[in-house]
């Protein structure tokens, strides 16, 4: 399922993936990175302090920016990741992942026996 949503009052676009029984296995919400500082405190309030990490990213002109990522590891193999710059400098992402999602991603690149 894909569609427009709000997170912490900020507009975003969600991709939600369910298995055959209707159980959610992935939620990914993209939103403008200029709203990261609005979303972050609400996610921290909801899920507590995550593990913070920072890396440097660079644009095509050579300017460098600090990319901040928060990660929460929950019981049962559930992960939540909030990333300030996700793929480009304009997009942030909140990603909820389950063990089923990880297995799906791991197997997505494997060739199948009946492939041409």
Protein backbone atom coordinates (compact mmCIF):
# COMPACT_ATOMS: atom_id res chain seq x y z
CA UNK A 1 0.00 0.00 0.00
CA UNK A 2 1.33 3.41 -0.91
CA UNK A 3 -0.04 6.82 -0.13
CA UNK A 4 0.18 10.21 1.48
CA UNK A 5 0.36 10.34 5.29
CA UNK A 6 1.39 12.69 8.05
CA UNK A 7 3.98 12.05 10.71
CA UNK A 8 4.33 14.51 13.60
CA UNK A 9 2.10 16.85 11.58
CA UNK A 10 4.46 16.70 8.59
CA UNK A 11 3.39 15.44 5.15
CA UNK A 12 5.03 12.30 3.89
CA UNK A 13 4.63 9.34 1.57
CA UNK A 14 4.26 5.86 3.03
CA UNK A 15 4.99 2.42 1.62
CA UNK A 16 3.42 -0.34 3.71
CA UNK A 17 3.99 -4.01 2.96
CA UNK A 18 1.88 -6.82 4.41
CA UNK A 19 2.24 -10.58 4.10
CA UNK A 20 -0.46 -12.87 2.69
CA UNK A 21 -2.25 -12.97 6.06
CA UNK A 22 -2.42 -9.19 6.44
CA UNK A 23 0.41 -8.83 8.96
CA UNK A 24 2.50 -5.70 8.46
CA UNK A 25 6.12 -6.53 7.67
CA UNK A 26 7.44 -3.12 6.57
CA UNK A 27 6.55 0.54 6.88
CA UNK A 28 8.64 3.18 5.15
CA UNK A 29 7.74 6.86 5.37
CA UNK A 30 9.61 9.45 3.32
CA UNK A 31 9.32 13.14 4.19
CA UNK A 32 11.20 16.36 3.43
CA UNK A 33 14.53 16.50 5.25
CA UNK A 34 13.81 20.11 6.21
CA UNK A 35 11.21 18.61 8.58
CA UNK A 36 13.60 16.15 10.26
CA UNK A 37 13.94 18.35 13.36
CA UNK A 38 10.14 18.38 13.70
CA UNK A 39 9.76 14.62 13.38
CA UNK A 40 12.76 13.59 15.52
CA UNK A 41 11.45 14.73 18.94
CA UNK A 42 8.10 13.04 18.34
CA UNK A 43 9.76 9.75 17.40
CA UNK A 44 12.05 10.02 20.46
CA UNK A 45 9.02 10.69 22.65
CA UNK A 46 7.21 7.64 21.24
CA UNK A 47 10.10 5.12 21.13
CA UNK A 48 12.65 6.46 23.61
CA UNK A 49 16.30 7.19 22.99
CA UNK A 50 17.63 5.27 20.02
CA UNK A 51 21.24 4.70 19.11
CA UNK A 52 22.46 7.86 17.38
CA UNK A 53 25.11 7.75 14.69
CA UNK A 54 26.41 10.38 12.30
CA UNK A 55 28.21 10.19 8.99
CA UNK A 56 29.18 12.81 6.46
CA UNK A 57 27.46 12.97 3.08
CA UNK A 58 28.44 15.13 0.15
CA UNK A 59 26.42 16.74 -2.63
CA UNK A 60 27.48 17.05 -6.28
CA UNK A 61 29.07 20.44 -5.62
CA UNK A 62 31.29 18.98 -2.88
CA UNK A 63 29.49 20.50 0.10
CA UNK A 64 29.41 18.17 3.11
CA UNK A 65 26.53 17.60 5.48
CA UNK A 66 26.12 15.60 8.67
CA UNK A 67 23.70 12.71 8.15
CA UNK A 68 22.09 11.67 11.41
CA UNK A 69 20.59 8.23 11.92
CA UNK A 70 18.74 6.89 14.95
CA UNK A 71 18.26 3.14 15.31
CA UNK A 72 16.03 1.21 17.69
CA UNK A 73 16.36 -2.57 18.02
CA UNK A 74 13.26 -4.07 19.60
CA UNK A 75 12.36 -7.54 20.84
CA UNK A 76 11.48 -10.09 18.20
CA UNK A 77 13.85 -8.66 15.60
CA UNK A 78 11.88 -5.47 15.06
CA UNK A 79 13.93 -2.48 13.92
CA UNK A 80 13.09 1.19 13.55
CA UNK A 81 15.48 3.52 11.72
CA UNK A 82 15.13 7.28 11.30
CA UNK A 83 17.54 8.81 8.78
CA UNK A 84 17.94 12.53 8.06
CA UNK A 85 19.26 12.17 4.50
CA UNK A 86 17.85 9.06 2.82
CA UNK A 87 19.13 8.74 -0.74
CA UNK A 88 19.45 12.49 -1.26
CA UNK A 89 19.61 15.71 0.74
CA UNK A 90 15.93 16.48 0.28
CA UNK A 91 14.47 13.28 1.75
CA UNK A 92 14.34 11.84 5.27
CA UNK A 93 13.00 8.36 6.06
CA UNK A 94 11.43 6.47 8.94
CA UNK A 95 11.71 2.70 8.37
CA UNK A 96 10.05 -0.05 10.40
CA UNK A 97 11.33 -3.54 9.63
CA UNK A 98 10.47 -7.05 10.83
CA UNK A 99 12.34 -10.37 10.45
CA UNK A 100 9.99 -11.20 7.54
CA UNK A 101 11.03 -7.98 5.81
CA UNK A 102 14.71 -8.78 6.26
CA UNK A 103 14.19 -12.28 4.83
CA UNK A 104 12.29 -10.86 1.88
CA UNK A 105 15.05 -8.36 1.13
CA UNK A 106 17.74 -11.01 1.53
CA UNK A 107 16.04 -13.30 -0.98
CA UNK A 108 14.91 -10.63 -3.44
CA UNK A 109 18.11 -10.71 -5.48
CA UNK A 110 18.41 -14.48 -5.73
CA UNK A 111 17.71 -16.14 -9.07
CA UNK A 112 14.79 -18.51 -9.17
CA UNK A 113 15.01 -21.97 -10.72
CA UNK A 114 12.41 -21.13 -13.37
CA UNK A 115 13.99 -17.82 -14.43
CA UNK A 116 14.95 -17.53 -18.06
